[in-house]
Protein backbone atom coordinates (compact mmCIF):
# COMPACT_ATOMS: atom_id res chain seq x y z
CA MET A 1 0.00 0.00 0.00
CA ILE A 2 1.40 3.38 -0.96
CA GLY A 3 1.96 5.74 2.00
CA ARG A 4 1.16 9.45 2.11
CA ASN A 5 4.86 10.35 2.24
CA ASP A 6 6.00 7.87 -0.42
CA PRO A 7 7.07 9.17 -3.85
CA CYS A 8 4.08 9.50 -6.13
CA TRP A 9 3.47 6.63 -8.56
CA CYS A 10 3.50 9.07 -11.50
CA GLY A 11 7.21 9.79 -11.17
CA SER A 12 6.79 13.51 -10.50
CA GLY A 13 9.26 13.42 -7.61
CA GLN A 14 6.62 14.79 -5.22
CA LYS A 15 5.18 12.98 -2.25
CA TRP A 16 1.99 11.06 -3.02
CA LYS A 17 -0.06 13.25 -0.64
CA LYS A 18 1.01 16.33 -2.60
CA CYS A 19 0.39 14.80 -6.02
CA HIS A 20 -2.07 12.00 -6.83
CA SER A 21 -3.55 11.25 -3.41
CA PRO A 22 -7.26 10.23 -3.27
CA LYS A 23 -8.29 13.85 -2.97
CA GLU A 24 -6.96 14.20 -6.53
CA PRO A 25 -8.05 10.93 -8.21
CA PRO A 26 -6.73 9.76 -11.57
CA THR A 27 -8.75 11.16 -14.45
CA THR A 28 -7.75 8.90 -17.34
CA GLU A 29 -7.51 5.14 -17.82
CA GLN A 30 -3.73 5.40 -18.25
CA GLN A 31 -3.43 7.32 -14.96
CA LYS A 32 -5.54 4.68 -13.22
CA LEU A 33 -3.34 1.95 -14.67
CA ALA A 34 -0.20 3.81 -13.62
CA GLN A 35 -1.53 4.14 -10.08
CA HIS A 36 -2.34 0.42 -10.00
CA TYR A 37 1.18 -0.54 -11.15
CA TYR A 38 2.90 1.70 -8.66
CA LYS A 39 0.66 0.65 -5.77
CA ASN A 40 0.95 -3.08 -6.45
CA TYR A 41 4.40 -3.47 -8.03
CA ARG A 42 6.24 -0.18 -7.39
CA ILE A 43 6.56 0.02 -11.19
CA VAL A 44 6.39 3.51 -12.70
CA LEU A 45 4.60 3.64 -16.05
CA LYS A 46 6.36 6.51 -17.75
CA THR A 47 4.64 9.63 -19.05
CA PRO A 48 5.24 10.84 -22.62
CA GLU A 49 7.64 13.50 -21.30
CA GLN A 50 9.62 10.91 -19.33
CA ILE A 51 9.69 8.55 -22.31
CA ALA A 52 11.13 11.30 -24.49
CA GLY A 53 13.93 11.88 -21.97
CA ILE A 54 14.66 8.17 -21.61
CA LYS A 55 14.83 7.82 -25.38
CA ARG A 56 17.47 10.55 -25.58
CA ALA A 57 19.55 8.86 -22.89
CA CYS A 58 19.23 5.49 -24.60
CA LYS A 59 20.24 6.95 -27.96
CA LEU A 60 23.38 8.40 -26.40
CA ALA A 61 24.20 5.13 -24.61
CA ALA A 62 23.87 3.25 -27.92
CA TYR A 63 26.15 5.78 -29.66
CA ILE A 64 28.84 5.49 -26.98
CA LEU A 65 28.55 1.70 -27.13
CA ASP A 66 29.06 1.81 -30.90
CA GLU A 67 32.18 3.95 -30.57
CA THR A 68 33.74 1.93 -27.76
CA CYS A 69 33.11 -1.33 -29.61
CA LYS A 70 34.94 0.07 -32.65
CA LYS A 71 38.00 0.70 -30.47
CA ALA A 72 38.09 -2.87 -29.15
CA GLN A 73 40.99 -4.37 -31.11
CA ALA A 74 44.03 -6.48 -30.33
CA GLY A 75 46.66 -4.46 -28.47
CA VAL A 76 44.18 -1.93 -27.07
CA THR A 77 43.64 -1.95 -23.30
CA THR A 78 40.23 -1.80 -21.68
CA ASN A 79 41.42 1.30 -19.81
CA GLU A 80 41.86 2.99 -23.19
CA ILE A 81 38.31 2.02 -24.11
CA ASP A 82 37.09 3.38 -20.78
CA ALA A 83 38.93 6.65 -21.42
CA LEU A 84 37.08 7.00 -24.73
CA ALA A 85 33.78 6.45 -22.92
CA VAL A 86 34.68 9.13 -20.38
CA LYS A 87 35.47 11.55 -23.23
CA LEU A 88 32.20 10.85 -25.06
CA HIS A 89 30.10 11.26 -21.93
CA LYS A 90 31.76 14.59 -21.23
CA GLU A 91 31.31 15.83 -24.81
CA ASN A 92 27.59 15.09 -24.58
CA ASN A 93 27.06 16.62 -21.12
CA ALA A 94 26.20 13.21 -19.71
CA LEU A 95 27.34 11.14 -16.75
CA ALA A 96 28.42 7.50 -16.73
CA ALA A 97 25.96 5.73 -14.42
CA PRO A 98 28.39 2.99 -13.26
CA TYR A 99 31.07 5.42 -12.08
CA HIS A 100 31.18 5.31 -8.26
CA TYR A 101 27.90 3.37 -8.22
CA GLY A 102 27.29 0.88 -5.44
CA GLU A 103 29.36 -0.30 -2.49
CA PRO A 104 32.27 -0.52 -2.88
CA PRO A 105 32.01 2.25 -5.53
CA PHE A 106 32.52 0.92 -9.05
CA PRO A 107 35.80 2.51 -10.19
CA LYS A 108 35.24 2.95 -13.94
CA SER A 109 32.75 4.43 -16.39
CA ILE A 110 31.91 1.24 -18.30
CA CYS A 111 32.05 -2.50 -17.68
CA THR A 112 34.38 -4.63 -19.82
CA SER A 113 33.81 -8.35 -19.24
CA LEU A 114 36.21 -10.72 -21.03
CA ASN A 115 35.96 -14.43 -21.75
CA GLU A 116 34.94 -16.17 -18.50
CA VAL A 117 33.81 -12.91 -16.87
CA ILE A 118 30.00 -12.93 -16.66
CA CYS A 119 29.55 -9.22 -15.87
CA HIS A 120 30.94 -6.19 -14.03
CA GLY A 121 34.41 -6.53 -15.50
CA ILE A 122 36.62 -3.57 -14.52
CA PRO A 123 38.78 -1.92 -17.21
CA ASN A 124 42.53 -2.34 -16.71
CA ASP A 125 45.88 -2.03 -18.51
CA VAL A 126 45.98 -5.56 -19.98
CA PRO A 127 45.88 -5.38 -23.81
CA LEU A 128 43.19 -7.27 -25.68
CA LYS A 129 44.48 -10.20 -27.71
CA ASP A 130 43.33 -12.44 -30.54
CA GLY A 131 40.87 -15.02 -29.27
CA ASP A 132 39.21 -12.76 -26.68
CA ILE A 133 35.50 -12.09 -26.50
CA MET A 134 34.28 -9.12 -24.50
CA ASN A 135 31.05 -7.53 -23.38
CA ILE A 136 31.06 -3.73 -23.20
CA ASP A 137 28.28 -2.34 -21.02
CA VAL A 138 27.40 1.38 -21.28
CA SER A 139 24.89 3.17 -19.05
CA CYS A 140 24.33 6.93 -19.44
CA ILE A 141 22.63 9.62 -17.39
CA LEU A 142 21.45 12.45 -19.62
CA ASP A 143 19.37 15.28 -18.17
CA GLY A 144 18.45 13.01 -15.27
CA TYR A 145 17.29 10.09 -17.44
CA TYR A 146 19.01 6.71 -17.85
CA GLY A 147 19.84 4.52 -20.85
CA ASP A 148 21.52 1.11 -20.62
CA CYS A 149 22.87 -1.33 -23.24
CA SER A 150 25.68 -3.79 -23.90
CA ARG A 151 27.15 -5.77 -26.75
CA MET A 152 29.70 -8.50 -27.41
CA VAL A 153 32.83 -7.99 -29.50
CA LYS A 154 35.22 -10.58 -30.92
CA ILE A 155 38.96 -10.06 -31.15
CA GLY A 156 40.33 -12.05 -34.11
CA GLU A 157 39.57 -15.76 -34.40
CA ILE A 158 37.80 -17.22 -31.39
CA SER A 159 37.30 -20.76 -30.11
CA PRO A 160 34.14 -22.78 -30.81
CA ASP A 161 32.84 -22.49 -27.23
CA LYS A 162 33.27 -18.71 -27.31
CA GLN A 163 31.52 -18.52 -30.66
CA LEU A 164 28.71 -20.62 -29.21
CA VAL A 165 27.96 -18.31 -26.28
CA TYR A 166 28.47 -15.24 -28.48
CA ASP A 167 25.76 -16.48 -30.86
CA VAL A 168 23.40 -18.05 -28.35
CA SER A 169 23.33 -15.04 -26.02
CA HIS A 170 22.38 -12.83 -28.96
CA GLU A 171 19.66 -15.25 -30.07
CA CYS A 172 18.35 -15.43 -26.49
CA LEU A 173 17.97 -11.66 -26.43
CA GLN A 174 16.24 -11.59 -29.82
CA ARG A 175 13.74 -14.30 -28.89
CA SER A 176 12.97 -12.78 -25.50
CA MET A 177 12.26 -9.35 -26.99
CA GLU A 178 9.74 -10.90 -29.35
CA VAL A 179 7.41 -11.72 -26.44
CA VAL A 180 7.35 -8.15 -25.07
CA LYS A 181 3.90 -6.60 -25.48
CA PRO A 182 1.05 -5.45 -23.23
CA GLY A 183 -0.51 -8.33 -21.37
CA ALA A 184 2.45 -10.71 -21.72
CA LYS A 185 3.62 -12.01 -18.34
CA LEU A 186 7.08 -11.13 -17.06
CA HIS A 187 8.07 -14.80 -16.77
CA GLU A 188 7.58 -15.29 -20.53
CA ILE A 189 10.81 -13.34 -21.14
CA ALA A 190 12.77 -15.90 -19.13
CA ASP A 191 10.90 -18.82 -20.72
CA ALA A 192 12.10 -17.71 -24.16
CA ILE A 193 15.69 -17.33 -22.92
CA GLU A 194 15.80 -20.69 -21.12
CA ASP A 195 14.32 -22.52 -24.11
CA CYS A 196 16.87 -21.00 -26.48
CA ALA A 197 19.82 -21.71 -24.19
CA ALA A 198 18.75 -25.30 -23.57
CA GLU A 199 18.34 -25.97 -27.29
CA ASN A 200 22.00 -25.02 -27.75
CA GLY A 201 23.51 -26.76 -24.73
CA CYS A 202 24.16 -23.58 -22.76
CA SER A 203 23.13 -22.40 -19.30
CA VAL A 204 21.45 -19.21 -18.07
CA VAL A 205 22.98 -17.19 -15.24
CA HIS A 206 20.46 -16.66 -12.44
CA GLN A 207 22.53 -14.51 -10.07
CA PHE A 208 22.01 -11.34 -12.12
CA VAL A 209 18.86 -9.97 -13.72
CA GLY A 210 17.53 -7.31 -16.04
CA HIS A 211 15.77 -4.39 -14.42
CA GLY A 212 13.54 -1.38 -14.79
CA VAL A 213 15.48 1.67 -15.92
CA GLY A 214 14.83 5.24 -17.01
CA LEU A 215 14.16 7.42 -13.99
CA GLU A 216 16.72 5.50 -11.94
CA PHE A 217 19.63 3.21 -12.83
CA HIS A 218 17.86 0.23 -11.29
CA GLU A 219 14.14 0.36 -10.57
CA PRO A 220 11.30 -2.18 -10.45
CA PRO A 221 10.64 -4.64 -11.91
CA GLN A 222 13.48 -7.10 -11.76
CA VAL A 223 13.58 -9.05 -15.03
CA PRO A 224 15.01 -12.53 -14.34
CA HIS A 225 16.47 -14.43 -17.29
CA HIS A 226 16.13 -17.85 -15.66
CA ARG A 227 12.81 -19.66 -15.51
CA ASN A 228 10.45 -18.20 -12.91
CA ARG A 229 6.76 -17.73 -12.11
CA ILE A 230 6.46 -13.93 -11.99
CA GLN A 231 2.93 -13.17 -13.20
CA ILE A 232 3.20 -9.37 -13.54
CA PRO A 233 1.60 -8.43 -16.87
CA LEU A 234 3.56 -6.02 -19.03
CA ALA A 235 1.89 -2.66 -19.63
CA ALA A 236 2.44 0.31 -21.93
CA GLY A 237 4.87 2.77 -20.37
CA MET A 238 7.14 0.19 -18.74
CA THR A 239 10.84 0.59 -19.52
CA PHE A 240 13.32 -2.14 -18.61
CA THR A 241 16.42 -3.98 -19.76
CA ILE A 242 16.73 -7.54 -20.97
CA GLU A 243 20.34 -8.73 -20.71
CA PRO A 244 20.68 -12.53 -20.73
CA MET A 245 24.02 -13.84 -19.51
CA ILE A 246 24.70 -17.19 -21.13
CA ASN A 247 27.44 -19.63 -20.11
CA ALA A 248 29.07 -22.42 -22.10
CA GLY A 249 29.30 -24.50 -18.92
CA VAL A 250 27.58 -24.35 -15.55
CA ALA A 251 25.22 -21.49 -14.74
CA GLU A 252 26.84 -20.55 -11.44
CA GLY A 253 29.26 -17.68 -11.09
CA LYS A 254 31.53 -16.43 -8.35
CA ILE A 255 32.28 -12.88 -7.20
CA ASP A 256 35.88 -11.75 -6.91
CA PRO A 257 36.45 -11.15 -3.17
CA ILE A 258 38.95 -8.35 -3.80
CA THR A 259 36.98 -6.08 -6.16
CA GLN A 260 33.59 -7.37 -4.90
CA TRP A 261 32.33 -6.70 -8.44
CA ILE A 262 33.85 -8.98 -11.07
CA ALA A 263 31.72 -12.09 -11.58
CA THR A 264 33.28 -15.09 -13.36
CA THR A 265 31.97 -18.52 -14.32
CA ARG A 266 32.58 -21.12 -11.64
CA ASP A 267 34.10 -23.59 -14.13
CA GLY A 268 36.16 -21.05 -16.07
CA LYS A 269 34.22 -21.55 -19.31
CA PRO A 270 33.23 -18.52 -21.41
CA SER A 271 30.17 -16.35 -20.89
CA ALA A 272 28.46 -13.80 -23.13
CA GLN A 273 25.76 -11.14 -22.81
CA TRP A 274 23.80 -8.71 -25.02
CA GLU A 275 21.48 -6.03 -23.64
CA HIS A 276 18.85 -3.56 -24.79
CA THR A 277 16.51 -1.14 -23.03
CA LEU A 278 12.90 -1.63 -24.15
CA LEU A 279 9.72 0.40 -23.91
CA VAL A 280 6.40 -1.42 -23.82
CA THR A 281 4.04 0.37 -26.22
CA GLU A 282 0.29 0.12 -26.74
CA THR A 283 0.79 -2.42 -29.54
CA GLY A 284 4.08 -4.15 -28.70
CA HIS A 285 7.48 -2.75 -27.84
CA GLU A 286 10.19 -0.37 -28.99
CA ILE A 287 13.91 -1.08 -28.62
CA LEU A 288 15.33 2.22 -27.37
CA THR A 289 19.04 1.39 -27.63
CA LEU A 290 19.28 0.71 -31.34
CA THR A 291 21.52 2.89 -33.50
CA PRO A 292 20.67 3.97 -37.08
């Protein structure tokens, strides 16, 4: 139940009692739906103004991801790629959402996850080499709105197991996005991912999930990629990421005790991930982190 001093479900930033409390009831069906989603799920259905801002942030994140992926070549360090991301954020008056996020504070502006690293890889001074695969994850804050996306890159010729997770993780994302439309249940996203991974002899990481994004870096709902029973129906105005992490071996990962961020596969086999931010529309969905 929403409290009088809780943030309003509409995302205005005001307390509920000052915004859409019962003395000022919703006037449209969309407002009623938005109130229902915030009250029951803490999910904010975005307004047209908010959607426009989120789209701008997503477009910038996709552009920076494009440029950083182009720089990923043998001999280049991930710190050099991070430096490019810092430059591009600054040039566009944006902030890198990962920088100093969390506890301990994440030390870099992007995540660079190589080979057996599942996610949250930290850029360093080790040069990339032929045979590497890497996920670059870019999350931008532009005018207070968030955009989030990631992509795999290949460095030279790669091994068959790396090619497998590279391809299967991308296919998992494509299939899962196809189910996104109003009325579809949240668990159907994971069903599509699990089915695709199983068909190809891969496993789905369950320790990390997709998430609502747009007004905050991470907001409800969580979007698990492993099979689940979450019955929340998708609704127009929801914005969230889908980012399946697919392993060539076992699904379990382990967190580096020193950085408390870097997650690697427990058996040392390769992992891969692709990510988009999506908007649920009245008729289906829109992928917000595509580039022209």
